[in-house]
Amino acid sequence: MINKIKEIVKKECEEDNCNWNYHIQTVVKYANLLAEKLGADKEIVEISAWLHDITRLKGDKENHHITGPIEAEKILRKLKYPQTKIDKVKHCINAHRGSQDIKRETIEAECVASADAMAHFDNVAATLYLAYGLKKMNVEDGKRWVMEKLERSWKKMIPEAKEIILPKYEAAKIILKEKK
């Protein structure tokens, strides 16, 4: 089941390996780590982590936390996944965004949301590319935008995730500090 889902997501990333290499795989890595550490349902967490950005990959950057659960349900139904588990995956996907005020009601949702945030610290270079390469920001605007994104990510993490990512958070703050 998980390998089939992984292949579906990987296919969506074919035109943009940056998402696959620098975000999706990293989210799965941290989601699995947190699930193990916190005793969460590992299957729900891993499936949710693979699918958390499925509609973002298809072009819905603004509302992928809303459209993603719908697309995930379609995929999981085709794979004959149980509806009770589909509902848990849908909640994890819906609640993963730090920029939205959506209550995370399960430890599985906390794992996925925190893992999504942790990936930003694991791959600061990809976030810098987003600011400078894709958004074409100048140096100061880019630094500020990246730091604001990292601060939002930091705030959405559970304490166990913060403990893991703290050295990278502190390093990013040093590198991106404001000019005096």
C-alpha atoms as a PDB file:
ATOM      1  CA  MET A   1       0.000   0.000   0.000  1.00  0.00           C
ATOM      2  CA  ILE A   2       2.630   2.528   1.068  1.00  0.00           C
ATOM      3  CA  ASN A   3       4.881   1.729  -1.911  1.00  0.00           C
ATOM      4  CA  LYS A   4       1.954   2.285  -4.297  1.00  0.00           C
ATOM      5  CA  ILE A   5       1.229   5.667  -2.686  1.00  0.00           C
ATOM      6  CA  LYS A   6       4.915   6.598  -2.802  1.00  0.00           C
ATOM      7  CA  GLU A   7       4.995   5.841  -6.545  1.00  0.00           C
ATOM      8  CA  ILE A   8       1.858   7.934  -7.169  1.00  0.00           C
ATOM      9  CA  VAL A   9       3.433  10.915  -5.404  1.00  0.00           C
ATOM     10  CA  LYS A  10       6.815  10.391  -7.066  1.00  0.00           C
ATOM     11  CA  LYS A  11       5.102  10.459 -10.479  1.00  0.00           C
ATOM     12  CA  GLU A  12       3.527  13.837  -9.594  1.00  0.00           C
ATOM     13  CA  CYS A  13       7.028  15.113  -8.830  1.00  0.00           C
ATOM     14  CA  GLU A  14       8.599  14.040 -12.122  1.00  0.00           C
ATOM     15  CA  GLU A  15       8.612  17.559 -13.543  1.00  0.00           C
ATOM     16  CA  ASP A  16       9.784  19.104 -10.263  1.00  0.00           C
ATOM     17  CA  ASN A  17      12.317  16.883  -8.515  1.00  0.00           C
ATOM     18  CA  CYS A  18      12.998  19.699  -6.062  1.00  0.00           C
ATOM     19  CA  ASN A  19       9.771  18.871  -4.232  1.00  0.00           C
ATOM     20  CA  TRP A  20      10.572  15.154  -4.197  1.00  0.00           C
ATOM     21  CA  ASN A  21      14.229  15.482  -3.170  1.00  0.00           C
ATOM     22  CA  TYR A  22      14.026  18.449  -0.833  1.00  0.00           C
ATOM     23  CA  HIS A  23      10.570  18.284   0.704  1.00  0.00           C
ATOM     24  CA  ILE A  24       8.401  15.179   0.306  1.00  0.00           C
ATOM     25  CA  GLN A  25      11.034  12.589   1.247  1.00  0.00           C
ATOM     26  CA  THR A  26      12.195  14.734   4.155  1.00  0.00           C
ATOM     27  CA  VAL A  27       8.647  15.119   5.493  1.00  0.00           C
ATOM     28  CA  VAL A  28       8.230  11.336   5.378  1.00  0.00           C
ATOM     29  CA  LYS A  29      11.562  10.840   7.171  1.00  0.00           C
ATOM     30  CA  TYR A  30      10.636  13.152  10.036  1.00  0.00           C
ATOM     31  CA  ALA A  31       7.014  11.985  10.198  1.00  0.00           C
ATOM     32  CA  ASN A  32       8.187   8.397  10.646  1.00  0.00           C
ATOM     33  CA  LEU A  33      10.726   9.466  13.269  1.00  0.00           C
ATOM     34  CA  LEU A  34       8.082  11.352  15.261  1.00  0.00           C
ATOM     35  CA  ALA A  35       5.526   8.528  14.915  1.00  0.00           C
ATOM     36  CA  GLU A  36       8.053   6.111  16.368  1.00  0.00           C
ATOM     37  CA  LYS A  37       9.014   8.485  19.184  1.00  0.00           C
ATOM     38  CA  LEU A  38       5.416   9.349  20.123  1.00  0.00           C
ATOM     39  CA  GLY A  39       3.726   5.986  19.581  1.00  0.00           C
ATOM     40  CA  ALA A  40       1.500   7.271  16.766  1.00  0.00           C
ATOM     41  CA  ASP A  41      -0.123   5.050  14.135  1.00  0.00           C
ATOM     42  CA  LYS A  42       2.858   4.681  11.796  1.00  0.00           C
ATOM     43  CA  GLU A  43       0.802   3.665   8.772  1.00  0.00           C
ATOM     44  CA  ILE A  44      -1.538   6.675   9.019  1.00  0.00           C
ATOM     45  CA  VAL A  45       1.416   8.995   9.560  1.00  0.00           C
ATOM     46  CA  GLU A  46       3.470   7.688   6.639  1.00  0.00           C
ATOM     47  CA  ILE A  47       0.563   7.647   4.183  1.00  0.00           C
ATOM     48  CA  SER A  48      -0.405  11.172   5.259  1.00  0.00           C
ATOM     49  CA  ALA A  49       3.176  12.365   4.891  1.00  0.00           C
ATOM     50  CA  TRP A  50       3.436  11.008   1.346  1.00  0.00           C
ATOM     51  CA  LEU A  51       0.099  12.585   0.384  1.00  0.00           C
ATOM     52  CA  HIS A  52       0.196  15.846   2.378  1.00  0.00           C
ATOM     53  CA  ASP A  53       1.095  18.007  -0.653  1.00  0.00           C
ATOM     54  CA  ILE A  54      -0.550  15.930  -3.396  1.00  0.00           C
ATOM     55  CA  THR A  55      -2.670  18.762  -4.789  1.00  0.00           C
ATOM     56  CA  ARG A  56       0.094  21.317  -4.262  1.00  0.00           C
ATOM     57  CA  LEU A  57       2.143  19.181  -6.627  1.00  0.00           C
ATOM     58  CA  LYS A  58      -0.760  19.430  -9.080  1.00  0.00           C
ATOM     59  CA  GLY A  59      -0.724  23.240  -8.873  1.00  0.00           C
ATOM     60  CA  ASP A  60      -2.955  24.185  -5.924  1.00  0.00           C
ATOM     61  CA  LYS A  61      -0.521  26.148  -3.769  1.00  0.00           C
ATOM     62  CA  GLU A  62      -3.119  28.188  -1.858  1.00  0.00           C
ATOM     63  CA  ASN A  63      -5.733  25.597  -0.853  1.00  0.00           C
ATOM     64  CA  HIS A  64      -3.908  22.270  -0.975  1.00  0.00           C
ATOM     65  CA  HIS A  65      -4.818  21.635   2.664  1.00  0.00           C
ATOM     66  CA  ILE A  66      -8.486  21.692   1.532  1.00  0.00           C
ATOM     67  CA  THR A  67      -8.223  19.973  -1.862  1.00  0.00           C
ATOM     68  CA  GLY A  68      -5.550  17.497  -0.708  1.00  0.00           C
ATOM     69  CA  PRO A  69      -7.834  15.450   1.548  1.00  0.00           C
ATOM     70  CA  ILE A  70     -10.324  15.073  -1.300  1.00  0.00           C
ATOM     71  CA  GLU A  71      -7.634  13.860  -3.708  1.00  0.00           C
ATOM     72  CA  ALA A  72      -6.138  11.582  -1.045  1.00  0.00           C
ATOM     73  CA  GLU A  73      -9.534   9.979  -0.493  1.00  0.00           C
ATOM     74  CA  LYS A  74      -9.874   9.280  -4.239  1.00  0.00           C
ATOM     75  CA  ILE A  75      -6.433   7.656  -4.314  1.00  0.00           C
ATOM     76  CA  LEU A  76      -6.991   5.615  -1.163  1.00  0.00           C
ATOM     77  CA  ARG A  77     -10.448   4.414  -2.202  1.00  0.00           C
ATOM     78  CA  LYS A  78      -8.996   3.106  -5.482  1.00  0.00           C
ATOM     79  CA  LEU A  79      -6.491   1.178  -3.363  1.00  0.00           C
ATOM     80  CA  LYS A  80      -9.356  -0.214  -1.230  1.00  0.00           C
ATOM     81  CA  TYR A  81      -8.080   1.442   1.932  1.00  0.00           C
ATOM     82  CA  PRO A  82     -10.605   1.377   4.847  1.00  0.00           C
ATOM     83  CA  GLN A  83     -12.768   4.502   5.177  1.00  0.00           C
ATOM     84  CA  THR A  84     -12.027   4.906   8.897  1.00  0.00           C
ATOM     85  CA  LYS A  85      -8.331   5.139   8.083  1.00  0.00           C
ATOM     86  CA  ILE A  86      -8.974   7.406   5.083  1.00  0.00           C
ATOM     87  CA  ASP A  87     -10.720   9.835   7.441  1.00  0.00           C
ATOM     88  CA  LYS A  88      -7.640   9.911   9.690  1.00  0.00           C
ATOM     89  CA  VAL A  89      -5.347  10.561   6.721  1.00  0.00           C
ATOM     90  CA  LYS A  90      -7.652  13.332   5.499  1.00  0.00           C
ATOM     91  CA  HIS A  91      -7.467  15.060   8.891  1.00  0.00           C
ATOM     92  CA  CYS A  92      -3.656  14.902   8.876  1.00  0.00           C
ATOM     93  CA  ILE A  93      -3.510  16.464   5.417  1.00  0.00           C
ATOM     94  CA  ASN A  94      -6.082  19.132   6.241  1.00  0.00           C
ATOM     95  CA  ALA A  95      -4.293  20.150   9.446  1.00  0.00           C
ATOM     96  CA  HIS A  96      -0.671  20.134   8.199  1.00  0.00           C
ATOM     97  CA  ARG A  97      -0.310  23.803   7.176  1.00  0.00           C
ATOM     98  CA  GLY A  98       1.292  26.213   9.588  1.00  0.00           C
ATOM     99  CA  SER A  99      -0.208  29.221   7.840  1.00  0.00           C
ATOM    100  CA  GLN A 100      -3.731  27.993   8.632  1.00  0.00           C
ATOM    101  CA  ASP A 101      -5.340  27.864  12.054  1.00  0.00           C
ATOM    102  CA  ILE A 102      -6.670  24.292  11.849  1.00  0.00           C
ATOM    103  CA  LYS A 103      -6.744  22.316  15.083  1.00  0.00           C
ATOM    104  CA  ARG A 104      -4.714  19.125  14.980  1.00  0.00           C
ATOM    105  CA  GLU A 105      -6.909  16.621  16.795  1.00  0.00           C
ATOM    106  CA  THR A 106      -4.619  13.567  16.748  1.00  0.00           C
ATOM    107  CA  ILE A 107      -1.009  12.754  17.468  1.00  0.00           C
ATOM    108  CA  GLU A 108      -0.767  11.579  13.861  1.00  0.00           C
ATOM    109  CA  ALA A 109      -1.767  15.044  12.625  1.00  0.00           C
ATOM    110  CA  GLU A 110       0.820  16.580  14.965  1.00  0.00           C
ATOM    111  CA  CYS A 111       3.497  14.284  13.536  1.00  0.00           C
ATOM    112  CA  VAL A 112       2.708  15.226   9.922  1.00  0.00           C
ATOM    113  CA  ALA A 113       2.392  18.975  10.589  1.00  0.00           C
ATOM    114  CA  SER A 114       5.627  19.017  12.572  1.00  0.00           C
ATOM    115  CA  ALA A 115       7.448  16.936   9.952  1.00  0.00           C
ATOM    116  CA  ASP A 116       6.297  19.358   7.249  1.00  0.00           C
ATOM    117  CA  ALA A 117       7.772  22.221   9.272  1.00  0.00           C
ATOM    118  CA  MET A 118      10.966  20.310  10.056  1.00  0.00           C
ATOM    119  CA  ALA A 119      11.607  19.792   6.344  1.00  0.00           C
ATOM    120  CA  HIS A 120      11.993  23.551   5.913  1.00  0.00           C
ATOM    121  CA  PHE A 121      14.945  23.505   8.316  1.00  0.00           C
ATOM    122  CA  ASP A 122      16.476  20.400   6.780  1.00  0.00           C
ATOM    123  CA  ASN A 123      16.458  22.037   3.355  1.00  0.00           C
ATOM    124  CA  VAL A 124      17.022  25.762   3.847  1.00  0.00           C
ATOM    125  CA  ALA A 125      18.722  25.880   0.447  1.00  0.00           C
ATOM    126  CA  ALA A 126      15.450  24.878  -1.243  1.00  0.00           C
ATOM    127  CA  THR A 127      13.606  27.617   0.652  1.00  0.00           C
ATOM    128  CA  LEU A 128      16.251  30.128  -0.430  1.00  0.00           C
ATOM    129  CA  TYR A 129      15.805  28.957  -4.019  1.00  0.00           C
ATOM    130  CA  LEU A 130      12.077  29.566  -3.674  1.00  0.00           C
ATOM    131  CA  ALA A 131      12.709  33.117  -2.459  1.00  0.00           C
ATOM    132  CA  TYR A 132      15.481  34.112  -4.848  1.00  0.00           C
ATOM    133  CA  GLY A 133      15.060  31.819  -7.834  1.00  0.00           C
ATOM    134  CA  LEU A 134      11.310  31.511  -8.184  1.00  0.00           C
ATOM    135  CA  LYS A 135       9.988  34.596  -6.404  1.00  0.00           C
ATOM    136  CA  LYS A 136      12.891  36.764  -7.655  1.00  0.00           C
ATOM    137  CA  MET A 137      13.279  38.615  -4.332  1.00  0.00           C
ATOM    138  CA  ASN A 138      16.181  40.906  -3.565  1.00  0.00           C
ATOM    139  CA  VAL A 139      18.637  39.867  -0.853  1.00  0.00           C
ATOM    140  CA  GLU A 140      16.990  41.603   2.115  1.00  0.00           C
ATOM    141  CA  ASP A 141      13.406  40.724   1.135  1.00  0.00           C
ATOM    142  CA  GLY A 142      14.438  37.118   0.544  1.00  0.00           C
ATOM    143  CA  LYS A 143      16.207  36.832   3.890  1.00  0.00           C
ATOM    144  CA  ARG A 144      13.194  38.295   5.665  1.00  0.00           C
ATOM    145  CA  TRP A 145      10.731  36.056   3.794  1.00  0.00           C
ATOM    146  CA  VAL A 146      12.745  32.893   4.495  1.00  0.00           C
ATOM    147  CA  MET A 147      13.182  33.779   8.170  1.00  0.00           C
ATOM    148  CA  GLU A 148       9.456  34.499   8.531  1.00  0.00           C
ATOM    149  CA  LYS A 149       8.662  31.138   6.920  1.00  0.00           C
ATOM    150  CA  LEU A 150      11.079  29.376   9.271  1.00  0.00           C
ATOM    151  CA  GLU A 151       9.606  31.182  12.299  1.00  0.00           C
ATOM    152  CA  ARG A 152       6.078  30.057  11.282  1.00  0.00           C
ATOM    153  CA  SER A 153       7.407  26.546  10.859  1.00  0.00           C
ATOM    154  CA  TRP A 154       9.085  26.643  14.261  1.00  0.00           C
ATOM    155  CA  LYS A 155       5.874  27.763  15.944  1.00  0.00           C
ATOM    156  CA  LYS A 156       3.804  24.923  14.478  1.00  0.00           C
ATOM    157  CA  MET A 157       6.131  22.176  15.726  1.00  0.00           C
ATOM    158  CA  ILE A 158       5.464  20.076  18.786  1.00  0.00           C
ATOM    159  CA  PRO A 159       8.204  20.121  21.476  1.00  0.00           C
ATOM    160  CA  GLU A 160       9.640  16.741  20.399  1.00  0.00           C
ATOM    161  CA  ALA A 161      10.155  18.091  16.876  1.00  0.00           C
ATOM    162  CA  LYS A 162      11.714  21.311  18.150  1.00  0.00           C
ATOM    163  CA  GLU A 163      14.191  19.277  20.193  1.00  0.00           C
ATOM    164  CA  ILE A 164      15.305  17.410  17.058  1.00  0.00           C
ATOM    165  CA  ILE A 165      15.543  20.454  14.792  1.00  0.00           C
ATOM    166  CA  LEU A 166      16.890  23.045  17.293  1.00  0.00           C
ATOM    167  CA  PRO A 167      20.516  23.069  16.002  1.00  0.00           C
ATOM    168  CA  LYS A 168      19.312  23.750  12.444  1.00  0.00           C
ATOM    169  CA  TYR A 169      16.917  26.452  13.660  1.00  0.00           C
ATOM    170  CA  GLU A 170      19.715  28.206  15.528  1.00  0.00           C
ATOM    171  CA  ALA A 171      22.054  27.909  12.522  1.00  0.00           C
ATOM    172  CA  ALA A 172      19.407  29.392  10.208  1.00  0.00           C
ATOM    173  CA  LYS A 173      18.905  32.329  12.577  1.00  0.00           C
ATOM    174  CA  ILE A 174      22.634  33.040  12.550  1.00  0.00           C
ATOM    175  CA  ILE A 175      22.864  32.844   8.753  1.00  0.00           C
ATOM    176  CA  LEU A 176      19.716  34.884   8.097  1.00  0.00           C
ATOM    177  CA  LYS A 177      20.117  37.442  10.880  1.00  0.00           C
ATOM    178  CA  GLU A 178      19.115  40.967  10.075  1.00  0.00           C
ATOM    179  CA  LYS A 179      21.840  43.402   9.066  1.00  0.00           C
ATOM    180  CA  LYS A 180      22.654  45.818  11.914  1.00  0.00           C
END
